[in-house]
C-alpha atoms as a PDB file:
ATOM      1  CA  UNK A   1      -3.138  10.484 -18.409  1.00  0.00           C
ATOM      2  CA  UNK A   2      -3.027  12.387 -15.171  1.00  0.00           C
ATOM      3  CA  UNK A   3      -0.757  15.054 -16.603  1.00  0.00           C
ATOM      4  CA  UNK A   4       2.380  14.644 -14.539  1.00  0.00           C
ATOM      5  CA  UNK A   5       5.609  12.662 -14.452  1.00  0.00           C
ATOM      6  CA  UNK A   6       7.053  10.853 -11.458  1.00  0.00           C
ATOM      7  CA  UNK A   7      10.514   9.858 -10.275  1.00  0.00           C
ATOM      8  CA  UNK A   8      11.682   7.558  -7.502  1.00  0.00           C
ATOM      9  CA  UNK A   9      10.996   4.044  -6.325  1.00  0.00           C
ATOM     10  CA  UNK A  10      13.053   1.337  -4.641  1.00  0.00           C
ATOM     11  CA  UNK A  11      14.990   0.702  -7.835  1.00  0.00           C
ATOM     12  CA  UNK A  12      15.450   4.370  -8.881  1.00  0.00           C
ATOM     13  CA  UNK A  13      15.872   6.438  -5.730  1.00  0.00           C
ATOM     14  CA  UNK A  14      15.506  10.120  -6.524  1.00  0.00           C
ATOM     15  CA  UNK A  15      16.493  11.305  -3.043  1.00  0.00           C
ATOM     16  CA  UNK A  16      19.370   9.522  -1.327  1.00  0.00           C
ATOM     17  CA  UNK A  17      18.131   6.852   1.122  1.00  0.00           C
ATOM     18  CA  UNK A  18      14.512   7.538   0.156  1.00  0.00           C
ATOM     19  CA  UNK A  19      12.563   5.269  -2.181  1.00  0.00           C
ATOM     20  CA  UNK A  20       9.492   7.525  -2.236  1.00  0.00           C
ATOM     21  CA  UNK A  21       7.693   8.632  -5.383  1.00  0.00           C
ATOM     22  CA  UNK A  22       7.933  12.331  -6.302  1.00  0.00           C
ATOM     23  CA  UNK A  23       6.250  14.559  -8.886  1.00  0.00           C
ATOM     24  CA  UNK A  24       8.998  15.607 -11.285  1.00  0.00           C
ATOM     25  CA  UNK A  25       6.980  17.550 -13.841  1.00  0.00           C
ATOM     26  CA  UNK A  26       3.458  18.876 -14.289  1.00  0.00           C
ATOM     27  CA  UNK A  27       2.440  18.822 -17.947  1.00  0.00           C
ATOM     28  CA  UNK A  28       0.949  22.086 -19.134  1.00  0.00           C
ATOM     29  CA  UNK A  29      -2.795  21.793 -19.790  1.00  0.00           C
ATOM     30  CA  UNK A  30      -2.851  18.249 -18.324  1.00  0.00           C
ATOM     31  CA  UNK A  31      -5.317  17.139 -15.652  1.00  0.00           C
ATOM     32  CA  UNK A  32      -2.973  17.931 -12.734  1.00  0.00           C
ATOM     33  CA  UNK A  33      -2.136  21.357 -14.186  1.00  0.00           C
ATOM     34  CA  UNK A  34      -5.804  22.249 -14.686  1.00  0.00           C
ATOM     35  CA  UNK A  35      -6.690  21.048 -11.172  1.00  0.00           C
ATOM     36  CA  UNK A  36      -3.894  23.202  -9.727  1.00  0.00           C
ATOM     37  CA  UNK A  37      -3.354  21.432  -6.405  1.00  0.00           C
ATOM     38  CA  UNK A  38      -0.397  19.157  -7.226  1.00  0.00           C
ATOM     39  CA  UNK A  39       3.048  20.761  -7.353  1.00  0.00           C
ATOM     40  CA  UNK A  40       6.381  19.673  -8.745  1.00  0.00           C
ATOM     41  CA  UNK A  41       8.464  18.222  -5.927  1.00  0.00           C
ATOM     42  CA  UNK A  42       5.478  16.849  -3.997  1.00  0.00           C
ATOM     43  CA  UNK A  43       5.975  13.392  -2.500  1.00  0.00           C
ATOM     44  CA  UNK A  44       3.097  11.066  -3.389  1.00  0.00           C
ATOM     45  CA  UNK A  45       2.294   8.850  -0.423  1.00  0.00           C
ATOM     46  CA  UNK A  46      -0.760   7.014  -1.769  1.00  0.00           C
ATOM     47  CA  UNK A  47      -2.978   6.660  -4.849  1.00  0.00           C
ATOM     48  CA  UNK A  48      -6.659   5.851  -4.227  1.00  0.00           C
ATOM     49  CA  UNK A  49      -5.729   4.631  -0.745  1.00  0.00           C
ATOM     50  CA  UNK A  50      -2.911   2.380  -1.972  1.00  0.00           C
ATOM     51  CA  UNK A  51       0.366   3.144  -0.174  1.00  0.00           C
ATOM     52  CA  UNK A  52       3.313   3.770  -2.523  1.00  0.00           C
ATOM     53  CA  UNK A  53       5.931   2.856   0.052  1.00  0.00           C
ATOM     54  CA  UNK A  54       8.570   0.349  -1.086  1.00  0.00           C
ATOM     55  CA  UNK A  55       7.398   0.112  -4.702  1.00  0.00           C
ATOM     56  CA  UNK A  56       9.584  -0.155  -7.768  1.00  0.00           C
ATOM     57  CA  UNK A  57       9.258   2.752 -10.184  1.00  0.00           C
ATOM     58  CA  UNK A  58       7.478   0.707 -12.862  1.00  0.00           C
ATOM     59  CA  UNK A  59       4.969  -0.630 -10.295  1.00  0.00           C
ATOM     60  CA  UNK A  60       4.156   2.930  -9.196  1.00  0.00           C
ATOM     61  CA  UNK A  61       3.704   3.959 -12.832  1.00  0.00           C
ATOM     62  CA  UNK A  62       1.327   1.039 -13.309  1.00  0.00           C
ATOM     63  CA  UNK A  63      -0.743   2.130 -10.291  1.00  0.00           C
ATOM     64  CA  UNK A  64      -1.147   5.585 -11.802  1.00  0.00           C
ATOM     65  CA  UNK A  65      -2.074   4.167 -15.210  1.00  0.00           C
ATOM     66  CA  UNK A  66      -4.790   2.010 -13.639  1.00  0.00           C
ATOM     67  CA  UNK A  67      -6.047   4.648 -11.191  1.00  0.00           C
ATOM     68  CA  UNK A  68      -9.240   5.347 -13.101  1.00  0.00           C
ATOM     69  CA  UNK A  69     -11.063   8.583 -13.815  1.00  0.00           C
ATOM     70  CA  UNK A  70     -11.460   9.870 -10.234  1.00  0.00           C
ATOM     71  CA  UNK A  71      -8.065   9.788  -8.568  1.00  0.00           C
ATOM     72  CA  UNK A  72      -7.339  10.537  -4.928  1.00  0.00           C
ATOM     73  CA  UNK A  73      -3.709  11.336  -4.116  1.00  0.00           C
ATOM     74  CA  UNK A  74      -2.254  11.604  -0.644  1.00  0.00           C
ATOM     75  CA  UNK A  75       0.755  13.902  -0.892  1.00  0.00           C
ATOM     76  CA  UNK A  76       3.380  15.564   1.235  1.00  0.00           C
ATOM     77  CA  UNK A  77       4.444  19.043   0.166  1.00  0.00           C
ATOM     78  CA  UNK A  78       8.099  19.643  -0.517  1.00  0.00           C
ATOM     79  CA  UNK A  79       9.453  21.645   2.417  1.00  0.00           C
ATOM     80  CA  UNK A  80      12.797  22.527   0.868  1.00  0.00           C
ATOM     81  CA  UNK A  81      14.275  22.311  -2.617  1.00  0.00           C
ATOM     82  CA  UNK A  82      15.675  18.911  -3.566  1.00  0.00           C
ATOM     83  CA  UNK A  83      18.724  18.260  -5.712  1.00  0.00           C
ATOM     84  CA  UNK A  84      18.003  17.180  -9.252  1.00  0.00           C
ATOM     85  CA  UNK A  85      15.451  18.155 -11.852  1.00  0.00           C
ATOM     86  CA  UNK A  86      12.701  19.057  -9.394  1.00  0.00           C
ATOM     87  CA  UNK A  87      12.109  22.773  -9.293  1.00  0.00           C
ATOM     88  CA  UNK A  88      11.195  23.382 -12.911  1.00  0.00           C
ATOM     89  CA  UNK A  89       8.193  25.604 -13.216  1.00  0.00           C
ATOM     90  CA  UNK A  90       5.272  25.837 -15.574  1.00  0.00           C
ATOM     91  CA  UNK A  91       6.595  25.421 -19.081  1.00  0.00           C
ATOM     92  CA  UNK A  92       9.790  23.647 -18.060  1.00  0.00           C
ATOM     93  CA  UNK A  93      11.958  26.731 -17.634  1.00  0.00           C
ATOM     94  CA  UNK A  94      14.139  26.855 -14.549  1.00  0.00           C
ATOM     95  CA  UNK A  95      13.584  29.457 -11.870  1.00  0.00           C
ATOM     96  CA  UNK A  96      16.855  31.262 -12.675  1.00  0.00           C
ATOM     97  CA  UNK A  97      19.368  32.701 -10.218  1.00  0.00           C
ATOM     98  CA  UNK A  98      18.584  33.057  -6.516  1.00  0.00           C
ATOM     99  CA  UNK A  99      17.880  36.646  -5.506  1.00  0.00           C
ATOM    100  CA  UNK A 100      20.972  36.765  -3.252  1.00  0.00           C
ATOM    101  CA  UNK A 101      23.200  35.931  -6.238  1.00  0.00           C
ATOM    102  CA  UNK A 102      22.072  39.194  -7.819  1.00  0.00           C
ATOM    103  CA  UNK A 103      21.679  41.444  -4.772  1.00  0.00           C
ATOM    104  CA  UNK A 104      24.976  40.760  -2.984  1.00  0.00           C
ATOM    105  CA  UNK A 105      27.273  41.617  -5.929  1.00  0.00           C
ATOM    106  CA  UNK A 106      25.000  44.541  -6.824  1.00  0.00           C
ATOM    107  CA  UNK A 107      25.222  45.982  -3.318  1.00  0.00           C
ATOM    108  CA  UNK A 108      28.990  45.483  -3.292  1.00  0.00           C
ATOM    109  CA  UNK A 109      29.290  47.393  -6.581  1.00  0.00           C
ATOM    110  CA  UNK A 110      27.061  50.185  -5.270  1.00  0.00           C
ATOM    111  CA  UNK A 111      29.135  50.500  -2.081  1.00  0.00           C
ATOM    112  CA  UNK A 112      32.339  50.613  -4.118  1.00  0.00           C
ATOM    113  CA  UNK A 113      30.888  53.328  -6.387  1.00  0.00           C
ATOM    114  CA  UNK A 114      29.880  55.472  -3.376  1.00  0.00           C
ATOM    115  CA  UNK A 115      33.332  55.041  -1.846  1.00  0.00           C
ATOM    116  CA  UNK A 116      35.041  56.086  -5.098  1.00  0.00           C
ATOM    117  CA  UNK A 117      32.732  59.097  -5.448  1.00  0.00           C
ATOM    118  CA  UNK A 118      33.468  60.234  -1.896  1.00  0.00           C
ATOM    119  CA  UNK A 119      37.234  59.825  -2.399  1.00  0.00           C
ATOM    120  CA  UNK A 120      37.035  61.773  -5.667  1.00  0.00           C
ATOM    121  CA  UNK A 121      35.146  64.655  -3.979  1.00  0.00           C
ATOM    122  CA  UNK A 122      37.716  64.870  -1.175  1.00  0.00           C
ATOM    123  CA  UNK A 123      40.478  65.512  -3.710  1.00  0.00           C
ATOM    124  CA  UNK A 124      38.653  68.493  -5.218  1.00  0.00           C
END
């Protein structure tokens, strides 16, 4: 195979009001992984010149299965994170917490500690 999974299609919309085909997972050590250009979340617009617009999911899968040895994909990079399973990296592990979810509470705790220290020193 080509080493990646897809989601989407007219019958299984992955993004609301969008029947496009998206890369949901890159299989480690598969062809797409070794090539390195395709990324999870990419929208696949065409396979070997064949437009994927308005295809059912199973018809898109069939196009990929019959694509041959040399495959040309026309893609659109994901500009922002999508809802759903897209966003898994490498071995299938999620990216974890956003940096702001760690920094904001950490800075608040640090500010509170400085304030307490200053108040404690004033009493001495």
